[in-house]
Amino acid sequence: MDALNGITNSVSSIATNGVASAWLWVGNFLVLVIITLIMIGFSYKAGRGGIISLLVAFYVGYALYIVFPYTNDIVKAGGDPLIKAIISIVLYGIATFIPFRFIQRLVGNGFGVLSFLPRFVLSFLAATFLLAVAYHIFHVNNIYSLPAPINNLFEPNQYFFWWFVAPLLGLLFLVH
């Protein structure tokens, strides 16, 4: 009977620790999980052409945001870091939305159907792209302290390039 209680306690301890570890992991990466789920939902609503158009529009939006001659002046007018971040995000959103609508018209849904795995990977890469831009362009870390694992993945300058090109590589290998 003592052996059975010992096994039961061990299994219970392993299960409790496993659930706690999983919950800690999800909690640390919650922002990434939420953005990925939003992207997956978008990809189902907009279809294959929609997610492809959005990924390409992210790059066009970034280029327009960077080269727009009044970006710095408009963002500086915000004063407070929170307002500056919000203004930056709105400007980037506008710079992305307009090309997205145009690219979506060009692409349409002529690419067929994406299975779940490519859809998930592209959505995850879109989420990582957005987090990298949020860190390096919008400086969200100045207004909100994200968990250390997210900071370790997205804050270092040397990682920005890799997060930036990851969606392009995803498109290259997953869209045929």
C-alpha atoms as a PDB file:
ATOM      1  CA  MET A   1       0.000   0.000   0.000  1.00  0.00           C
ATOM      2  CA  ASP A   2       2.880   2.372   0.800  1.00  0.00           C
ATOM      3  CA  ALA A   3       4.407   1.652  -2.611  1.00  0.00           C
ATOM      4  CA  LEU A   4       1.103   2.510  -4.313  1.00  0.00           C
ATOM      5  CA  ASN A   5       0.845   5.773  -2.348  1.00  0.00           C
ATOM      6  CA  GLY A   6       4.457   6.579  -3.264  1.00  0.00           C
ATOM      7  CA  ILE A   7       3.756   6.000  -6.976  1.00  0.00           C
ATOM      8  CA  THR A   8       0.553   8.026  -6.780  1.00  0.00           C
ATOM      9  CA  ASN A   9       2.388  10.892  -5.085  1.00  0.00           C
ATOM     10  CA  SER A  10       5.184  10.735  -7.690  1.00  0.00           C
ATOM     11  CA  VAL A  11       2.743  10.761 -10.598  1.00  0.00           C
ATOM     12  CA  SER A  12       0.786  13.575  -8.977  1.00  0.00           C
ATOM     13  CA  SER A  13       3.978  15.564  -8.402  1.00  0.00           C
ATOM     14  CA  ILE A  14       5.148  15.043 -11.994  1.00  0.00           C
ATOM     15  CA  ALA A  15       1.737  16.056 -13.358  1.00  0.00           C
ATOM     16  CA  THR A  16       1.580  19.143 -11.142  1.00  0.00           C
ATOM     17  CA  ASN A  17       5.113  20.210 -12.039  1.00  0.00           C
ATOM     18  CA  GLY A  18       4.464  19.532 -15.724  1.00  0.00           C
ATOM     19  CA  VAL A  19       1.313  21.637 -15.761  1.00  0.00           C
ATOM     20  CA  ALA A  20       3.054  24.408 -13.812  1.00  0.00           C
ATOM     21  CA  SER A  21       5.987  24.359 -16.231  1.00  0.00           C
ATOM     22  CA  ALA A  22       3.696  24.414 -19.258  1.00  0.00           C
ATOM     23  CA  TRP A  23       1.678  27.283 -17.773  1.00  0.00           C
ATOM     24  CA  LEU A  24       4.889  29.213 -17.029  1.00  0.00           C
ATOM     25  CA  TRP A  25       6.072  28.687 -20.612  1.00  0.00           C
ATOM     26  CA  VAL A  26       2.724  29.808 -22.050  1.00  0.00           C
ATOM     27  CA  GLY A  27       2.689  32.787 -19.692  1.00  0.00           C
ATOM     28  CA  ASN A  28       6.167  33.842 -20.756  1.00  0.00           C
ATOM     29  CA  PHE A  29       5.280  33.607 -24.429  1.00  0.00           C
ATOM     30  CA  LEU A  30       1.636  34.671 -24.144  1.00  0.00           C
ATOM     31  CA  VAL A  31       2.054  37.741 -26.339  1.00  0.00           C
ATOM     32  CA  LEU A  32       3.626  35.606 -29.076  1.00  0.00           C
ATOM     33  CA  VAL A  33       0.899  32.967 -28.727  1.00  0.00           C
ATOM     34  CA  ILE A  34      -1.873  35.584 -28.923  1.00  0.00           C
ATOM     35  CA  ILE A  35      -0.421  37.331 -31.983  1.00  0.00           C
ATOM     36  CA  THR A  36       0.110  33.951 -33.687  1.00  0.00           C
ATOM     37  CA  LEU A  37      -3.500  32.956 -32.988  1.00  0.00           C
ATOM     38  CA  ILE A  38      -4.718  36.285 -34.377  1.00  0.00           C
ATOM     39  CA  MET A  39      -2.643  35.698 -37.514  1.00  0.00           C
ATOM     40  CA  ILE A  40      -4.015  32.149 -37.878  1.00  0.00           C
ATOM     41  CA  GLY A  41      -7.558  33.497 -37.544  1.00  0.00           C
ATOM     42  CA  PHE A  42      -6.789  36.161 -40.122  1.00  0.00           C
ATOM     43  CA  SER A  43      -5.319  33.583 -42.480  1.00  0.00           C
ATOM     44  CA  TYR A  44      -8.504  31.507 -42.322  1.00  0.00           C
ATOM     45  CA  LYS A  45     -10.704  34.550 -42.853  1.00  0.00           C
ATOM     46  CA  ALA A  46      -8.625  36.140 -45.629  1.00  0.00           C
ATOM     47  CA  GLY A  47      -7.441  32.902 -47.204  1.00  0.00           C
ATOM     48  CA  ARG A  48      -4.067  31.975 -48.593  1.00  0.00           C
ATOM     49  CA  GLY A  49      -3.773  35.144 -50.647  1.00  0.00           C
ATOM     50  CA  GLY A  50      -4.615  37.223 -47.584  1.00  0.00           C
ATOM     51  CA  ILE A  51      -1.791  35.925 -45.386  1.00  0.00           C
ATOM     52  CA  ILE A  52       0.687  36.164 -48.263  1.00  0.00           C
ATOM     53  CA  SER A  53      -0.472  39.721 -49.012  1.00  0.00           C
ATOM     54  CA  LEU A  54      -0.193  40.657 -45.348  1.00  0.00           C
ATOM     55  CA  LEU A  55       3.350  39.340 -45.031  1.00  0.00           C
ATOM     56  CA  VAL A  56       4.464  41.232 -48.121  1.00  0.00           C
ATOM     57  CA  ALA A  57       2.600  44.337 -46.898  1.00  0.00           C
ATOM     58  CA  PHE A  58       4.534  44.172 -43.605  1.00  0.00           C
ATOM     59  CA  TYR A  59       7.725  44.765 -45.572  1.00  0.00           C
ATOM     60  CA  VAL A  60       6.240  47.474 -47.765  1.00  0.00           C
ATOM     61  CA  GLY A  61       4.772  49.137 -44.677  1.00  0.00           C
ATOM     62  CA  TYR A  62       8.154  49.022 -42.960  1.00  0.00           C
ATOM     63  CA  ALA A  63       9.823  50.631 -45.983  1.00  0.00           C
ATOM     64  CA  LEU A  64       7.180  53.362 -46.202  1.00  0.00           C
ATOM     65  CA  TYR A  65       7.368  53.989 -42.455  1.00  0.00           C
ATOM     66  CA  ILE A  66      11.161  54.323 -42.573  1.00  0.00           C
ATOM     67  CA  VAL A  67      11.356  56.567 -45.651  1.00  0.00           C
ATOM     68  CA  PHE A  68       8.363  58.787 -44.870  1.00  0.00           C
ATOM     69  CA  PRO A  69      10.041  62.165 -44.339  1.00  0.00           C
ATOM     70  CA  TYR A  70       7.807  63.244 -41.451  1.00  0.00           C
ATOM     71  CA  THR A  71       7.815  60.051 -39.374  1.00  0.00           C
ATOM     72  CA  ASN A  72      10.295  61.363 -36.793  1.00  0.00           C
ATOM     73  CA  ASP A  73       8.555  64.722 -36.491  1.00  0.00           C
ATOM     74  CA  ILE A  74       5.140  63.138 -36.026  1.00  0.00           C
ATOM     75  CA  VAL A  75       6.422  60.601 -33.487  1.00  0.00           C
ATOM     76  CA  LYS A  76       8.380  63.244 -31.533  1.00  0.00           C
ATOM     77  CA  ALA A  77       5.203  65.303 -31.220  1.00  0.00           C
ATOM     78  CA  GLY A  78       3.866  62.565 -28.943  1.00  0.00           C
ATOM     79  CA  GLY A  79       6.207  63.531 -26.103  1.00  0.00           C
ATOM     80  CA  ASP A  80       5.440  60.679 -23.692  1.00  0.00           C
ATOM     81  CA  PRO A  81       6.960  57.242 -24.632  1.00  0.00           C
ATOM     82  CA  LEU A  82       3.527  55.592 -24.619  1.00  0.00           C
ATOM     83  CA  ILE A  83       2.060  58.174 -26.992  1.00  0.00           C
ATOM     84  CA  LYS A  84       5.162  57.930 -29.217  1.00  0.00           C
ATOM     85  CA  ALA A  85       4.748  54.149 -29.427  1.00  0.00           C
ATOM     86  CA  ILE A  86       1.048  54.463 -30.230  1.00  0.00           C
ATOM     87  CA  ILE A  87       1.738  57.052 -32.928  1.00  0.00           C
ATOM     88  CA  SER A  88       4.468  54.833 -34.395  1.00  0.00           C
ATOM     89  CA  ILE A  89       2.166  51.821 -34.457  1.00  0.00           C
ATOM     90  CA  VAL A  90      -0.633  53.814 -36.090  1.00  0.00           C
ATOM     91  CA  LEU A  91       1.735  55.194 -38.739  1.00  0.00           C
ATOM     92  CA  TYR A  92       3.076  51.706 -39.426  1.00  0.00           C
ATOM     93  CA  GLY A  93      -0.485  50.360 -39.551  1.00  0.00           C
ATOM     94  CA  ILE A  94      -1.448  52.957 -42.161  1.00  0.00           C
ATOM     95  CA  ALA A  95       1.766  52.330 -44.109  1.00  0.00           C
ATOM     96  CA  THR A  96       0.933  48.604 -44.085  1.00  0.00           C
ATOM     97  CA  PHE A  97      -2.834  48.711 -44.661  1.00  0.00           C
ATOM     98  CA  ILE A  98      -2.734  50.662 -47.920  1.00  0.00           C
ATOM     99  CA  PRO A  99      -0.208  48.346 -49.624  1.00  0.00           C
ATOM    100  CA  PHE A 100      -2.016  45.323 -48.163  1.00  0.00           C
ATOM    101  CA  ARG A 101      -5.242  46.277 -49.925  1.00  0.00           C
ATOM    102  CA  PHE A 102      -3.368  46.805 -53.188  1.00  0.00           C
ATOM    103  CA  ILE A 103      -1.318  43.598 -52.912  1.00  0.00           C
ATOM    104  CA  GLN A 104      -4.414  41.628 -51.942  1.00  0.00           C
ATOM    105  CA  ARG A 105      -6.108  42.732 -55.145  1.00  0.00           C
ATOM    106  CA  LEU A 106      -3.086  41.612 -57.143  1.00  0.00           C
ATOM    107  CA  VAL A 107      -2.651  38.290 -55.367  1.00  0.00           C
ATOM    108  CA  GLY A 108      -6.297  37.396 -54.784  1.00  0.00           C
ATOM    109  CA  ASN A 109      -6.808  33.791 -53.728  1.00  0.00           C
ATOM    110  CA  GLY A 110      -5.261  32.285 -56.832  1.00  0.00           C
ATOM    111  CA  PHE A 111      -2.719  30.316 -54.816  1.00  0.00           C
ATOM    112  CA  GLY A 112      -5.032  27.516 -53.776  1.00  0.00           C
ATOM    113  CA  VAL A 113      -5.433  26.380 -50.184  1.00  0.00           C
ATOM    114  CA  LEU A 114      -2.814  26.391 -47.429  1.00  0.00           C
ATOM    115  CA  SER A 115      -2.749  23.389 -45.135  1.00  0.00           C
ATOM    116  CA  PHE A 116      -2.565  23.954 -41.399  1.00  0.00           C
ATOM    117  CA  LEU A 117       1.199  23.540 -40.940  1.00  0.00           C
ATOM    118  CA  PRO A 118       2.285  26.200 -43.497  1.00  0.00           C
ATOM    119  CA  ARG A 119      -0.525  28.447 -42.248  1.00  0.00           C
ATOM    120  CA  PHE A 120       0.684  28.022 -38.658  1.00  0.00           C
ATOM    121  CA  VAL A 121       4.353  28.595 -39.547  1.00  0.00           C
ATOM    122  CA  LEU A 122       3.595  31.714 -41.619  1.00  0.00           C
ATOM    123  CA  SER A 123       1.360  33.050 -38.849  1.00  0.00           C
ATOM    124  CA  PHE A 124       4.061  32.403 -36.251  1.00  0.00           C
ATOM    125  CA  LEU A 125       6.688  34.102 -38.436  1.00  0.00           C
ATOM    126  CA  ALA A 126       4.363  37.072 -38.957  1.00  0.00           C
ATOM    127  CA  ALA A 127       3.978  37.320 -35.180  1.00  0.00           C
ATOM    128  CA  THR A 128       7.747  37.208 -34.660  1.00  0.00           C
ATOM    129  CA  PHE A 129       8.208  39.880 -37.327  1.00  0.00           C
ATOM    130  CA  LEU A 130       5.722  42.135 -35.555  1.00  0.00           C
ATOM    131  CA  LEU A 131       7.395  41.592 -32.192  1.00  0.00           C
ATOM    132  CA  ALA A 132      10.827  42.352 -33.659  1.00  0.00           C
ATOM    133  CA  VAL A 133       9.512  45.557 -35.234  1.00  0.00           C
ATOM    134  CA  ALA A 134       7.766  46.430 -31.967  1.00  0.00           C
ATOM    135  CA  TYR A 135      11.060  46.112 -30.106  1.00  0.00           C
ATOM    136  CA  HIS A 136      13.368  47.795 -32.585  1.00  0.00           C
ATOM    137  CA  ILE A 137      11.165  50.387 -34.256  1.00  0.00           C
ATOM    138  CA  PHE A 138       8.365  51.159 -31.788  1.00  0.00           C
ATOM    139  CA  HIS A 139      10.475  50.580 -28.635  1.00  0.00           C
ATOM    140  CA  VAL A 140       7.668  48.890 -26.723  1.00  0.00           C
ATOM    141  CA  ASN A 141      10.193  47.798 -24.114  1.00  0.00           C
ATOM    142  CA  ASN A 142      10.307  51.459 -22.995  1.00  0.00           C
ATOM    143  CA  ILE A 143       6.604  51.402 -22.108  1.00  0.00           C
ATOM    144  CA  TYR A 144       5.928  47.799 -21.147  1.00  0.00           C
ATOM    145  CA  SER A 145       8.165  45.180 -19.618  1.00  0.00           C
ATOM    146  CA  LEU A 146       7.619  41.917 -21.428  1.00  0.00           C
ATOM    147  CA  PRO A 147       8.787  38.619 -19.864  1.00  0.00           C
ATOM    148  CA  ALA A 148      12.522  37.881 -19.893  1.00  0.00           C
ATOM    149  CA  PRO A 149      12.322  35.034 -22.462  1.00  0.00           C
ATOM    150  CA  ILE A 150      10.605  37.358 -24.948  1.00  0.00           C
ATOM    151  CA  ASN A 151      13.158  40.093 -24.210  1.00  0.00           C
ATOM    152  CA  ASN A 152      16.005  37.639 -24.753  1.00  0.00           C
ATOM    153  CA  LEU A 153      14.616  36.623 -28.148  1.00  0.00           C
ATOM    154  CA  PHE A 154      13.631  39.999 -29.558  1.00  0.00           C
ATOM    155  CA  GLU A 155      15.574  42.763 -27.816  1.00  0.00           C
ATOM    156  CA  PRO A 156      19.172  42.072 -28.992  1.00  0.00           C
ATOM    157  CA  ASN A 157      20.028  44.119 -32.073  1.00  0.00           C
ATOM    158  CA  GLN A 158      21.884  41.217 -33.683  1.00  0.00           C
ATOM    159  CA  TYR A 159      18.628  39.175 -33.806  1.00  0.00           C
ATOM    160  CA  PHE A 160      16.561  41.836 -35.572  1.00  0.00           C
ATOM    161  CA  PHE A 161      17.829  40.892 -39.028  1.00  0.00           C
ATOM    162  CA  TRP A 162      16.948  37.217 -38.535  1.00  0.00           C
ATOM    163  CA  TRP A 163      13.450  37.924 -37.247  1.00  0.00           C
ATOM    164  CA  PHE A 164      13.060  40.403 -40.099  1.00  0.00           C
ATOM    165  CA  VAL A 165      13.897  37.907 -42.857  1.00  0.00           C
ATOM    166  CA  ALA A 166      12.205  34.878 -41.275  1.00  0.00           C
ATOM    167  CA  PRO A 167       8.781  35.510 -42.896  1.00  0.00           C
ATOM    168  CA  LEU A 168      10.439  35.884 -46.300  1.00  0.00           C
ATOM    169  CA  LEU A 169      12.133  32.531 -45.851  1.00  0.00           C
ATOM    170  CA  GLY A 170       8.798  31.078 -44.761  1.00  0.00           C
ATOM    171  CA  LEU A 171       7.161  32.389 -47.920  1.00  0.00           C
ATOM    172  CA  LEU A 172      10.032  31.071 -50.019  1.00  0.00           C
ATOM    173  CA  PHE A 173       9.818  27.532 -48.663  1.00  0.00           C
ATOM    174  CA  LEU A 174       6.122  27.154 -47.828  1.00  0.00           C
ATOM    175  CA  VAL A 175       4.276  28.859 -50.667  1.00  0.00           C
ATOM    176  CA  HIS A 176       4.389  27.111 -54.028  1.00  0.00           C
END
